[in-house]
Amino acid sequence: MIDIRKLGLFNKMAKEGGNTVANHLSQMTGMETEMEITKINFIDIPDIKTHIGDERQIGISIRMLEPPHGYILFLFNAENAKKLASGMIGDMGETSDATDGFTDMERSAIQEIGNIMTSGFIDGWANVLETTIDISTPNFTFGPGSGMVDELVGDRETDMALMFDSRVHALESDINVKVYTFPELDELVELMQEIEV
């Protein structure tokens, strides 16, 4: 149960997380970047697997090592990952147009972008929740999205997750990034209850 006046904190966490990611990406790539969260949903974990589907995507996941514990998963398709990577690499290195493989340079650029996104998002959350949240090293996967959810949260049938639909505007193009968060909801609520609204 959460105090209805605190529901706005979800928006605030999304906004703050998105802004922090955008600022970090802008600094890193020299490109004007903004991250816009277009929708926030609570979804049952079994429904998320259906929602994500079995299409192969790039997933970057991290584990929160402090309350609200749990996982965060960023998903985007290979084409969008390539766009981000080539924006970051610029003309410093080789990129390939093939969508089924990534050059080493692209791979490390995507990894770096993953680091920026995950840490930025969590920093934004921590600001709103007035706490610090330590995270694990990001883990990268290329495969069916539903399988990644399975791996992270298995069959926590009773649980819900928070899903943020977001769009990263950069390089004159829009990149759709889905952010799925699987916090321990009771811990998240506890943190939110402590905040004066």
N, C-alpha and C. Protein backbone atom coordinates (compact mmCIF):
# COMPACT_ATOMS: atom_id res chain seq x y z
N MET A 1 0.85 -1.20 0.00
CA MET A 1 0.00 0.00 0.00
C MET A 1 0.88 1.24 0.00
N ILE A 2 0.51 2.19 -0.83
CA ILE A 2 1.31 3.41 -0.87
C ILE A 2 0.40 4.62 -0.80
N ASP A 3 0.86 5.60 -0.08
CA ASP A 3 0.12 6.85 0.06
C ASP A 3 -0.10 7.44 -1.34
N ILE A 4 -1.35 7.71 -1.65
CA ILE A 4 -1.70 8.17 -3.01
C ILE A 4 -0.94 9.43 -3.41
N ARG A 5 -0.62 10.27 -2.42
CA ARG A 5 0.11 11.51 -2.73
C ARG A 5 1.53 11.22 -3.21
N LYS A 6 1.97 9.98 -2.98
CA LYS A 6 3.35 9.66 -3.36
C LYS A 6 3.45 9.02 -4.74
N LEU A 7 2.31 8.82 -5.39
CA LEU A 7 2.36 8.19 -6.71
C LEU A 7 3.16 9.03 -7.70
N GLY A 8 3.15 10.33 -7.49
CA GLY A 8 3.92 11.23 -8.35
C GLY A 8 5.41 10.92 -8.32
N LEU A 9 5.86 10.24 -7.27
CA LEU A 9 7.29 9.90 -7.17
C LEU A 9 7.72 8.98 -8.31
N PHE A 10 6.79 8.12 -8.79
CA PHE A 10 7.15 7.25 -9.90
C PHE A 10 7.51 8.09 -11.13
N ASN A 11 6.69 9.13 -11.37
CA ASN A 11 6.98 10.02 -12.50
C ASN A 11 8.32 10.71 -12.30
N LYS A 12 8.51 11.15 -11.06
CA LYS A 12 9.73 11.88 -10.75
C LYS A 12 10.96 10.99 -10.94
N MET A 13 10.85 9.72 -10.50
CA MET A 13 11.96 8.80 -10.65
C MET A 13 12.25 8.55 -12.13
N ALA A 14 11.18 8.40 -12.91
CA ALA A 14 11.35 8.17 -14.35
C ALA A 14 12.01 9.37 -15.00
N LYS A 15 11.51 10.55 -14.66
CA LYS A 15 12.01 11.78 -15.27
C LYS A 15 13.47 12.02 -14.90
N GLU A 16 13.75 11.91 -13.62
CA GLU A 16 15.10 12.13 -13.11
C GLU A 16 16.06 11.10 -13.71
N GLY A 17 15.60 9.83 -13.77
CA GLY A 17 16.43 8.78 -14.36
C GLY A 17 16.72 9.09 -15.82
N GLY A 18 15.69 9.46 -16.56
CA GLY A 18 15.84 9.77 -17.98
C GLY A 18 16.76 10.96 -18.22
N ASN A 19 16.60 12.01 -17.42
CA ASN A 19 17.44 13.20 -17.58
C ASN A 19 18.91 12.89 -17.30
N THR A 20 19.14 12.11 -16.26
CA THR A 20 20.53 11.78 -15.91
C THR A 20 21.18 10.98 -17.03
N VAL A 21 20.43 10.01 -17.59
CA VAL A 21 20.94 9.22 -18.71
C VAL A 21 21.28 10.15 -19.88
N ALA A 22 20.37 11.06 -20.21
CA ALA A 22 20.57 11.96 -21.35
C ALA A 22 21.80 12.84 -21.14
N ASN A 23 21.95 13.39 -19.93
CA ASN A 23 23.12 14.24 -19.66
C ASN A 23 24.41 13.47 -19.85
N HIS A 24 24.46 12.25 -19.30
CA HIS A 24 25.67 11.43 -19.43
C HIS A 24 25.95 11.09 -20.90
N LEU A 25 24.89 10.73 -21.63
CA LEU A 25 25.09 10.38 -23.05
C LEU A 25 25.56 11.59 -23.85
N SER A 26 24.99 12.77 -23.54
CA SER A 26 25.40 13.98 -24.26
C SER A 26 26.88 14.26 -24.05
N GLN A 27 27.33 14.13 -22.79
CA GLN A 27 28.74 14.38 -22.49
C GLN A 27 29.63 13.37 -23.21
N MET A 28 29.19 12.14 -23.21
CA MET A 28 29.99 11.05 -23.74
C MET A 28 30.11 11.11 -25.26
N THR A 29 29.01 11.47 -25.93
CA THR A 29 29.00 11.38 -27.39
C THR A 29 29.14 12.74 -28.05
N GLY A 30 29.00 13.81 -27.25
CA GLY A 30 29.04 15.14 -27.84
C GLY A 30 27.80 15.44 -28.66
N MET A 31 26.79 14.55 -28.57
CA MET A 31 25.55 14.78 -29.32
C MET A 31 24.49 15.26 -28.35
N GLU A 32 23.67 16.16 -28.82
CA GLU A 32 22.55 16.62 -28.00
C GLU A 32 21.60 15.43 -27.82
N THR A 33 21.41 15.01 -26.61
CA THR A 33 20.59 13.81 -26.38
C THR A 33 19.54 14.10 -25.33
N GLU A 34 18.34 13.63 -25.55
CA GLU A 34 17.37 13.66 -24.45
C GLU A 34 16.66 12.32 -24.38
N MET A 35 16.27 11.97 -23.17
CA MET A 35 15.56 10.71 -22.99
C MET A 35 14.19 11.05 -22.46
N GLU A 36 13.19 10.65 -23.21
CA GLU A 36 11.82 11.01 -22.83
C GLU A 36 11.10 9.73 -22.42
N ILE A 37 10.54 9.74 -21.22
CA ILE A 37 9.77 8.58 -20.77
C ILE A 37 8.33 8.84 -21.20
N THR A 38 7.81 7.96 -22.05
CA THR A 38 6.47 8.25 -22.58
C THR A 38 5.35 7.57 -21.80
N LYS A 39 5.69 6.49 -21.08
CA LYS A 39 4.63 5.79 -20.37
C LYS A 39 5.23 4.97 -19.22
N ILE A 40 4.49 4.89 -18.13
CA ILE A 40 4.90 4.04 -17.02
C ILE A 40 3.78 3.05 -16.75
N ASN A 41 4.12 1.78 -16.67
CA ASN A 41 3.11 0.75 -16.41
C ASN A 41 3.55 -0.20 -15.32
N PHE A 42 2.60 -0.69 -14.55
CA PHE A 42 2.86 -1.83 -13.67
C PHE A 42 2.39 -3.06 -14.42
N ILE A 43 3.23 -4.06 -14.55
CA ILE A 43 2.82 -5.27 -15.26
C ILE A 43 3.19 -6.50 -14.43
N ASP A 44 2.33 -7.52 -14.45
CA ASP A 44 2.68 -8.79 -13.81
C ASP A 44 3.83 -9.41 -14.58
N ILE A 45 4.75 -10.03 -13.84
CA ILE A 45 5.93 -10.58 -14.49
C ILE A 45 5.60 -11.58 -15.61
N PRO A 46 4.65 -12.53 -15.42
CA PRO A 46 4.35 -13.43 -16.54
C PRO A 46 3.88 -12.67 -17.79
N ASP A 47 3.15 -11.57 -17.59
CA ASP A 47 2.67 -10.79 -18.74
C ASP A 47 3.81 -10.07 -19.44
N ILE A 48 4.84 -9.74 -18.68
CA ILE A 48 5.97 -9.02 -19.28
C ILE A 48 6.62 -9.89 -20.35
N LYS A 49 6.77 -11.18 -20.03
CA LYS A 49 7.41 -12.07 -21.00
C LYS A 49 6.64 -12.07 -22.32
N THR A 50 5.30 -12.09 -22.22
CA THR A 50 4.47 -12.06 -23.42
C THR A 50 4.65 -10.71 -24.12
N HIS A 51 4.66 -9.65 -23.33
CA HIS A 51 4.77 -8.29 -23.85
C HIS A 51 6.10 -8.09 -24.59
N ILE A 52 7.17 -8.61 -24.03
CA ILE A 52 8.50 -8.45 -24.65
C ILE A 52 8.63 -9.33 -25.88
N GLY A 53 8.07 -10.54 -25.81
CA GLY A 53 8.13 -11.44 -26.95
C GLY A 53 9.49 -12.12 -27.10
N ASP A 54 9.62 -12.88 -28.17
CA ASP A 54 10.82 -13.70 -28.35
C ASP A 54 11.79 -13.12 -29.37
N GLU A 55 11.52 -11.92 -29.83
CA GLU A 55 12.41 -11.31 -30.82
C GLU A 55 13.79 -11.10 -30.20
N ARG A 56 14.83 -11.32 -31.01
CA ARG A 56 16.19 -11.11 -30.50
C ARG A 56 16.45 -9.62 -30.31
N GLN A 57 16.90 -9.27 -29.14
CA GLN A 57 17.19 -7.87 -28.83
C GLN A 57 18.47 -7.79 -28.02
N ILE A 58 18.93 -6.57 -27.87
CA ILE A 58 20.08 -6.38 -27.00
C ILE A 58 19.55 -6.02 -25.62
N GLY A 59 20.01 -6.72 -24.63
CA GLY A 59 19.58 -6.46 -23.26
C GLY A 59 20.77 -6.10 -22.40
N ILE A 60 20.60 -5.09 -21.59
CA ILE A 60 21.63 -4.72 -20.62
C ILE A 60 20.95 -4.77 -19.26
N SER A 61 21.45 -5.62 -18.39
CA SER A 61 20.79 -5.71 -17.09
C SER A 61 21.79 -5.45 -15.97
N ILE A 62 21.27 -4.92 -14.86
CA ILE A 62 22.10 -4.75 -13.67
C ILE A 62 21.29 -5.19 -12.46
N ARG A 63 22.01 -5.51 -11.41
CA ARG A 63 21.35 -5.87 -10.15
C ARG A 63 21.58 -4.73 -9.18
N MET A 64 20.52 -4.33 -8.48
CA MET A 64 20.68 -3.31 -7.43
C MET A 64 21.13 -4.03 -6.16
N LEU A 65 22.26 -3.59 -5.64
CA LEU A 65 22.85 -4.27 -4.49
C LEU A 65 22.39 -3.68 -3.16
N GLU A 66 21.57 -2.64 -3.25
CA GLU A 66 21.01 -2.01 -2.04
C GLU A 66 19.52 -1.80 -2.28
N PRO A 67 18.73 -1.52 -1.21
CA PRO A 67 17.30 -1.30 -1.42
C PRO A 67 17.07 -0.26 -2.50
N PRO A 68 16.12 -0.43 -3.39
CA PRO A 68 15.06 -1.44 -3.39
C PRO A 68 15.43 -2.79 -4.02
N HIS A 69 16.71 -3.15 -4.06
CA HIS A 69 17.16 -4.43 -4.62
C HIS A 69 16.43 -4.77 -5.93
N GLY A 70 16.71 -5.94 -6.46
CA GLY A 70 16.06 -6.33 -7.71
C GLY A 70 16.92 -5.99 -8.93
N TYR A 71 16.28 -5.93 -10.09
CA TYR A 71 17.01 -5.78 -11.35
C TYR A 71 16.44 -4.66 -12.21
N ILE A 72 17.29 -4.19 -13.12
CA ILE A 72 16.82 -3.26 -14.15
C ILE A 72 17.31 -3.80 -15.48
N LEU A 73 16.41 -3.78 -16.47
CA LEU A 73 16.75 -4.31 -17.79
C LEU A 73 16.43 -3.27 -18.85
N PHE A 74 17.42 -2.93 -19.66
CA PHE A 74 17.23 -2.04 -20.81
C PHE A 74 17.19 -2.92 -22.05
N LEU A 75 16.21 -2.70 -22.91
CA LEU A 75 16.12 -3.49 -24.15
C LEU A 75 16.06 -2.58 -25.36
N PHE A 76 16.86 -2.88 -26.38
CA PHE A 76 16.68 -2.19 -27.65
C PHE A 76 17.10 -3.12 -28.77
N ASN A 77 16.63 -2.83 -29.99
CA ASN A 77 16.95 -3.74 -31.08
C ASN A 77 18.32 -3.43 -31.66
N ALA A 78 18.83 -4.38 -32.46
CA ALA A 78 20.20 -4.30 -32.97
C ALA A 78 20.41 -3.03 -33.80
N GLU A 79 19.40 -2.68 -34.58
CA GLU A 79 19.52 -1.50 -35.46
C GLU A 79 19.73 -0.24 -34.62
N ASN A 80 18.93 -0.11 -33.54
CA ASN A 80 19.08 1.06 -32.68
C ASN A 80 20.42 1.04 -31.94
N ALA A 81 20.86 -0.14 -31.56
CA ALA A 81 22.14 -0.25 -30.87
C ALA A 81 23.26 0.23 -31.80
N LYS A 82 23.15 -0.15 -33.06
CA LYS A 82 24.16 0.27 -34.03
C LYS A 82 24.17 1.78 -34.21
N LYS A 83 22.96 2.37 -34.25
CA LYS A 83 22.88 3.83 -34.39
C LYS A 83 23.61 4.51 -33.24
N LEU A 84 23.31 4.04 -32.02
CA LEU A 84 23.94 4.63 -30.85
C LEU A 84 25.46 4.45 -30.91
N ALA A 85 25.87 3.25 -31.27
CA ALA A 85 27.30 2.95 -31.30
C ALA A 85 28.02 3.82 -32.32
N SER A 86 27.45 3.94 -33.53
CA SER A 86 28.16 4.71 -34.54
C SER A 86 28.17 6.19 -34.17
N GLY A 87 27.14 6.64 -33.47
CA GLY A 87 27.15 8.03 -33.00
C GLY A 87 28.27 8.25 -32.01
N MET A 88 28.53 7.25 -31.21
CA MET A 88 29.55 7.38 -30.18
C MET A 88 30.95 7.25 -30.76
N ILE A 89 31.08 6.32 -31.73
CA ILE A 89 32.40 6.08 -32.31
C ILE A 89 32.78 7.21 -33.26
N GLY A 90 31.75 7.78 -33.93
CA GLY A 90 32.03 8.84 -34.91
C GLY A 90 32.89 8.27 -36.01
N ASP A 91 33.95 9.03 -36.40
CA ASP A 91 34.79 8.46 -37.46
C ASP A 91 36.10 7.92 -36.88
N MET A 92 36.06 7.58 -35.58
CA MET A 92 37.28 7.08 -34.96
C MET A 92 37.56 5.62 -35.28
N GLY A 93 36.49 4.88 -35.63
CA GLY A 93 36.73 3.45 -35.78
C GLY A 93 35.80 2.86 -36.80
N GLU A 94 35.90 1.57 -36.94
CA GLU A 94 35.10 0.92 -37.98
C GLU A 94 33.74 0.51 -37.44
N THR A 95 32.74 0.73 -38.27
CA THR A 95 31.41 0.25 -37.93
C THR A 95 30.96 -0.57 -39.13
N SER A 96 30.01 -1.45 -38.93
CA SER A 96 29.53 -2.24 -40.07
C SER A 96 28.02 -2.06 -40.17
N ASP A 97 27.50 -2.14 -41.38
CA ASP A 97 26.06 -1.95 -41.56
C ASP A 97 25.27 -3.22 -41.31
N ALA A 98 25.96 -4.33 -41.24
CA ALA A 98 25.25 -5.59 -41.02
C ALA A 98 24.59 -5.57 -39.65
N THR A 99 23.33 -6.01 -39.59
CA THR A 99 22.65 -5.94 -38.29
C THR A 99 22.85 -7.21 -37.48
N ASP A 100 23.44 -8.25 -38.10
CA ASP A 100 23.53 -9.49 -37.33
C ASP A 100 24.82 -9.60 -36.53
N GLY A 101 25.76 -8.72 -36.80
CA GLY A 101 27.01 -8.80 -36.04
C GLY A 101 27.50 -7.42 -35.68
N PHE A 102 28.39 -7.36 -34.71
CA PHE A 102 28.94 -6.07 -34.29
C PHE A 102 30.45 -6.14 -34.33
N THR A 103 31.09 -5.07 -34.77
CA THR A 103 32.55 -5.04 -34.70
C THR A 103 32.94 -4.91 -33.23
N ASP A 104 34.21 -5.17 -32.93
CA ASP A 104 34.67 -5.06 -31.53
C ASP A 104 34.46 -3.65 -31.02
N MET A 105 34.72 -2.69 -31.90
CA MET A 105 34.59 -1.28 -31.53
C MET A 105 33.12 -0.97 -31.19
N GLU A 106 32.20 -1.48 -32.02
CA GLU A 106 30.77 -1.26 -31.76
C GLU A 106 30.37 -1.91 -30.45
N ARG A 107 30.89 -3.13 -30.24
CA ARG A 107 30.52 -3.85 -29.04
C ARG A 107 30.95 -3.08 -27.79
N SER A 108 32.17 -2.55 -27.83
CA SER A 108 32.61 -1.85 -26.62
C SER A 108 31.89 -0.50 -26.47
N ALA A 109 31.50 0.10 -27.61
CA ALA A 109 30.71 1.34 -27.52
C ALA A 109 29.35 1.05 -26.89
N ILE A 110 28.72 -0.05 -27.31
CA ILE A 110 27.41 -0.41 -26.76
C ILE A 110 27.53 -0.71 -25.27
N GLN A 111 28.63 -1.36 -24.92
CA GLN A 111 28.86 -1.68 -23.51
C GLN A 111 28.97 -0.39 -22.69
N GLU A 112 29.71 0.56 -23.25
CA GLU A 112 29.89 1.84 -22.55
C GLU A 112 28.56 2.57 -22.43
N ILE A 113 27.76 2.54 -23.50
CA ILE A 113 26.44 3.18 -23.48
C ILE A 113 25.58 2.50 -22.42
N GLY A 114 25.70 1.19 -22.34
CA GLY A 114 24.96 0.44 -21.31
C GLY A 114 25.34 0.88 -19.91
N ASN A 115 26.64 1.06 -19.70
CA ASN A 115 27.11 1.54 -18.39
C ASN A 115 26.50 2.90 -18.06
N ILE A 116 26.52 3.79 -19.07
CA ILE A 116 26.00 5.15 -18.86
C ILE A 116 24.50 5.10 -18.55
N MET A 117 23.77 4.30 -19.33
CA MET A 117 22.32 4.25 -19.15
C MET A 117 21.95 3.69 -17.79
N THR A 118 22.55 2.56 -17.44
CA THR A 118 22.16 1.93 -16.18
C THR A 118 22.55 2.79 -14.98
N SER A 119 23.79 3.29 -14.99
CA SER A 119 24.20 4.06 -13.81
C SER A 119 23.45 5.39 -13.75
N GLY A 120 23.19 5.98 -14.92
CA GLY A 120 22.44 7.25 -14.95
C GLY A 120 21.03 7.08 -14.43
N PHE A 121 20.39 6.01 -14.86
CA PHE A 121 19.01 5.76 -14.45
C PHE A 121 18.93 5.57 -12.94
N ILE A 122 19.87 4.77 -12.42
CA ILE A 122 19.87 4.50 -10.98
C ILE A 122 20.24 5.74 -10.18
N ASP A 123 21.15 6.55 -10.69
CA ASP A 123 21.48 7.81 -10.00
C ASP A 123 20.24 8.69 -9.87
N GLY A 124 19.46 8.72 -10.95
CA GLY A 124 18.22 9.50 -10.93
C GLY A 124 17.27 8.99 -9.87
N TRP A 125 17.13 7.68 -9.79
CA TRP A 125 16.27 7.07 -8.77
C TRP A 125 16.77 7.43 -7.38
N ALA A 126 18.08 7.26 -7.19
CA ALA A 126 18.66 7.49 -5.86
C ALA A 126 18.43 8.93 -5.42
N ASN A 127 18.52 9.89 -6.36
CA ASN A 127 18.26 11.30 -6.01
C ASN A 127 16.86 11.48 -5.47
N VAL A 128 15.89 10.89 -6.18
CA VAL A 128 14.49 11.05 -5.79
C VAL A 128 14.23 10.36 -4.45
N LEU A 129 14.82 9.17 -4.28
CA LEU A 129 14.58 8.39 -3.07
C LEU A 129 15.48 8.82 -1.91
N GLU A 130 16.32 9.83 -2.19
CA GLU A 130 17.23 10.37 -1.16
C GLU A 130 18.06 9.28 -0.51
N THR A 131 18.69 8.47 -1.37
CA THR A 131 19.50 7.37 -0.86
C THR A 131 20.63 7.13 -1.84
N THR A 132 21.43 6.10 -1.61
CA THR A 132 22.41 5.68 -2.61
C THR A 132 22.05 4.25 -2.98
N ILE A 133 22.25 3.90 -4.24
CA ILE A 133 21.95 2.53 -4.67
C ILE A 133 23.16 2.01 -5.42
N ASP A 134 23.84 1.07 -4.82
CA ASP A 134 25.00 0.48 -5.45
C ASP A 134 24.53 -0.56 -6.46
N ILE A 135 25.23 -0.67 -7.60
CA ILE A 135 24.77 -1.63 -8.62
C ILE A 135 25.90 -2.56 -9.05
N SER A 136 25.51 -3.70 -9.62
CA SER A 136 26.48 -4.66 -10.15
C SER A 136 26.99 -4.15 -11.49
N THR A 137 28.00 -4.81 -12.02
CA THR A 137 28.47 -4.50 -13.37
C THR A 137 27.38 -4.90 -14.36
N PRO A 138 27.13 -4.05 -15.37
CA PRO A 138 26.09 -4.40 -16.34
C PRO A 138 26.40 -5.71 -17.07
N ASN A 139 25.35 -6.47 -17.34
CA ASN A 139 25.48 -7.73 -18.03
C ASN A 139 24.82 -7.60 -19.41
N PHE A 140 25.51 -8.02 -20.46
CA PHE A 140 25.00 -7.87 -21.82
C PHE A 140 24.54 -9.17 -22.41
N THR A 141 23.39 -9.13 -23.06
CA THR A 141 22.85 -10.33 -23.70
C THR A 141 22.29 -9.93 -25.06
N PHE A 142 22.43 -10.81 -26.02
CA PHE A 142 21.75 -10.61 -27.31
C PHE A 142 20.92 -11.87 -27.53
N GLY A 143 19.62 -11.74 -27.47
CA GLY A 143 18.77 -12.92 -27.60
C GLY A 143 17.32 -12.55 -27.38
N PRO A 144 16.46 -13.55 -27.24
CA PRO A 144 15.04 -13.29 -27.04
C PRO A 144 14.82 -12.54 -25.72
N GLY A 145 14.06 -11.44 -25.79
CA GLY A 145 13.82 -10.64 -24.59
C GLY A 145 13.15 -11.41 -23.47
N SER A 146 12.20 -12.28 -23.84
CA SER A 146 11.47 -13.01 -22.81
C SER A 146 12.40 -13.91 -22.01
N GLY A 147 13.40 -14.46 -22.68
CA GLY A 147 14.38 -15.31 -22.00
C GLY A 147 15.18 -14.53 -20.97
N MET A 148 15.47 -13.26 -21.26
CA MET A 148 16.24 -12.43 -20.31
C MET A 148 15.44 -12.21 -19.03
N VAL A 149 14.13 -11.96 -19.20
CA VAL A 149 13.28 -11.74 -18.02
C VAL A 149 13.28 -13.00 -17.18
N ASP A 150 13.16 -14.14 -17.85
CA ASP A 150 13.18 -15.43 -17.16
C ASP A 150 14.44 -15.58 -16.33
N GLU A 151 15.56 -15.23 -16.96
CA GLU A 151 16.84 -15.39 -16.29
C GLU A 151 16.95 -14.48 -15.07
N LEU A 152 16.43 -13.26 -15.19
CA LEU A 152 16.56 -12.30 -14.09
C LEU A 152 15.63 -12.61 -12.94
N VAL A 153 14.36 -12.86 -13.27
CA VAL A 153 13.39 -12.99 -12.18
C VAL A 153 12.67 -14.33 -12.16
N GLY A 154 13.00 -15.20 -13.11
CA GLY A 154 12.45 -16.54 -13.11
C GLY A 154 10.94 -16.52 -12.98
N ASP A 155 10.44 -17.22 -12.00
CA ASP A 155 8.99 -17.34 -11.92
C ASP A 155 8.44 -16.65 -10.68
N ARG A 156 8.90 -15.44 -10.42
CA ARG A 156 8.31 -14.70 -9.30
C ARG A 156 6.88 -14.35 -9.68
N GLU A 157 6.05 -15.38 -9.76
CA GLU A 157 4.69 -15.25 -10.28
C GLU A 157 3.91 -14.10 -9.64
N THR A 158 4.12 -13.91 -8.33
CA THR A 158 3.27 -12.98 -7.62
C THR A 158 3.70 -11.53 -7.83
N ASP A 159 4.88 -11.36 -8.41
CA ASP A 159 5.42 -10.01 -8.44
C ASP A 159 5.00 -9.21 -9.65
N MET A 160 5.13 -7.91 -9.47
CA MET A 160 4.88 -7.01 -10.58
C MET A 160 6.18 -6.29 -10.88
N ALA A 161 6.25 -5.75 -12.06
CA ALA A 161 7.42 -4.97 -12.42
C ALA A 161 6.94 -3.62 -12.92
N LEU A 162 7.84 -2.67 -12.92
CA LEU A 162 7.56 -1.33 -13.43
C LEU A 162 8.17 -1.24 -14.81
N MET A 163 7.38 -0.84 -15.78
CA MET A 163 7.93 -0.71 -17.12
C MET A 163 7.89 0.75 -17.56
N PHE A 164 9.00 1.23 -18.07
CA PHE A 164 9.07 2.61 -18.58
C PHE A 164 9.28 2.53 -20.09
N ASP A 165 8.35 3.07 -20.85
CA ASP A 165 8.57 3.19 -22.29
C ASP A 165 9.35 4.47 -22.48
N SER A 166 10.47 4.38 -23.15
CA SER A 166 11.22 5.62 -23.31
C SER A 166 11.80 5.74 -24.69
N ARG A 167 12.09 6.97 -25.05
CA ARG A 167 12.68 7.24 -26.35
C ARG A 167 13.91 8.08 -26.11
N VAL A 168 15.02 7.66 -26.70
CA VAL A 168 16.22 8.48 -26.62
C VAL A 168 16.30 9.24 -27.93
N HIS A 169 16.30 10.58 -27.84
CA HIS A 169 16.43 11.39 -29.06
C HIS A 169 17.90 11.76 -29.18
N ALA A 170 18.51 11.28 -30.25
CA ALA A 170 19.93 11.62 -30.47
C ALA A 170 20.21 11.47 -31.94
N LEU A 171 21.32 12.02 -32.40
CA LEU A 171 21.77 11.87 -33.78
C LEU A 171 20.67 12.09 -34.81
N GLU A 172 19.85 13.10 -34.58
CA GLU A 172 18.76 13.33 -35.54
C GLU A 172 17.86 12.11 -35.68
N SER A 173 17.95 11.17 -34.78
CA SER A 173 17.06 10.02 -34.93
C SER A 173 16.53 9.61 -33.56
N ASP A 174 15.42 8.93 -33.57
CA ASP A 174 14.84 8.47 -32.31
C ASP A 174 15.19 7.01 -32.10
N ILE A 175 15.58 6.71 -30.90
CA ILE A 175 15.93 5.34 -30.57
C ILE A 175 15.00 4.88 -29.46
N ASN A 176 14.28 3.82 -29.70
CA ASN A 176 13.36 3.34 -28.67
C ASN A 176 14.10 2.42 -27.71
N VAL A 177 14.02 2.76 -26.46
CA VAL A 177 14.64 1.93 -25.44
C VAL A 177 13.55 1.61 -24.43
N LYS A 178 13.38 0.34 -24.13
CA LYS A 178 12.42 -0.04 -23.10
C LYS A 178 13.20 -0.29 -21.82
N VAL A 179 12.69 0.23 -20.73
CA VAL A 179 13.35 0.01 -19.45
C VAL A 179 12.38 -0.76 -18.56
N TYR A 180 12.79 -1.95 -18.16
CA TYR A 180 11.97 -2.76 -17.26
C TYR A 180 12.67 -2.79 -15.91
N THR A 181 11.95 -2.48 -14.86
CA THR A 181 12.58 -2.53 -13.55
C THR A 181 11.84 -3.55 -12.69
N PHE A 182 12.60 -4.34 -12.00
CA PHE A 182 12.04 -5.38 -11.15
C PHE A 182 12.51 -5.16 -9.72
N PRO A 183 12.08 -4.06 -9.09
CA PRO A 183 12.52 -3.83 -7.72
C PRO A 183 11.73 -4.73 -6.77
N GLU A 184 12.27 -4.92 -5.57
CA GLU A 184 11.48 -5.57 -4.53
C GLU A 184 10.46 -4.50 -4.12
N LEU A 185 9.21 -4.72 -4.51
CA LEU A 185 8.22 -3.64 -4.37
C LEU A 185 8.03 -3.18 -2.92
N ASP A 186 8.08 -4.14 -1.96
CA ASP A 186 7.88 -3.71 -0.57
C ASP A 186 9.01 -2.78 -0.12
N GLU A 187 10.24 -3.05 -0.59
CA GLU A 187 11.37 -2.18 -0.24
C GLU A 187 11.23 -0.81 -0.90
N LEU A 188 10.75 -0.83 -2.16
CA LEU A 188 10.58 0.43 -2.87
C LEU A 188 9.53 1.30 -2.17
N VAL A 189 8.43 0.66 -1.78
CA VAL A 189 7.35 1.38 -1.09
C VAL A 189 7.87 1.95 0.23
N GLU A 190 8.67 1.14 0.94
CA GLU A 190 9.23 1.59 2.22
C GLU A 190 10.08 2.85 2.03
N LEU A 191 10.92 2.84 0.98
CA LEU A 191 11.75 4.01 0.70
C LEU A 191 10.87 5.22 0.37
N MET A 192 9.80 4.98 -0.40
CA MET A 192 8.93 6.07 -0.81
C MET A 192 8.16 6.64 0.38
N GLN A 193 7.79 5.77 1.32
CA GLN A 193 7.02 6.24 2.48
C GLN A 193 7.84 7.22 3.33
N GLU A 194 9.18 7.06 3.28
CA GLU A 194 10.02 7.91 4.12
C GLU A 194 10.19 9.32 3.57
N ILE A 195 9.74 9.51 2.33
CA ILE A 195 9.97 10.81 1.68
C ILE A 195 8.82 11.75 1.94
N GLU A 196 9.17 12.97 2.33
CA GLU A 196 8.15 14.01 2.51
C GLU A 196 7.68 14.47 1.15
N VAL A 197 6.37 14.54 0.95
CA VAL A 197 5.89 15.05 -0.34
C VAL A 197 5.26 16.42 -0.14
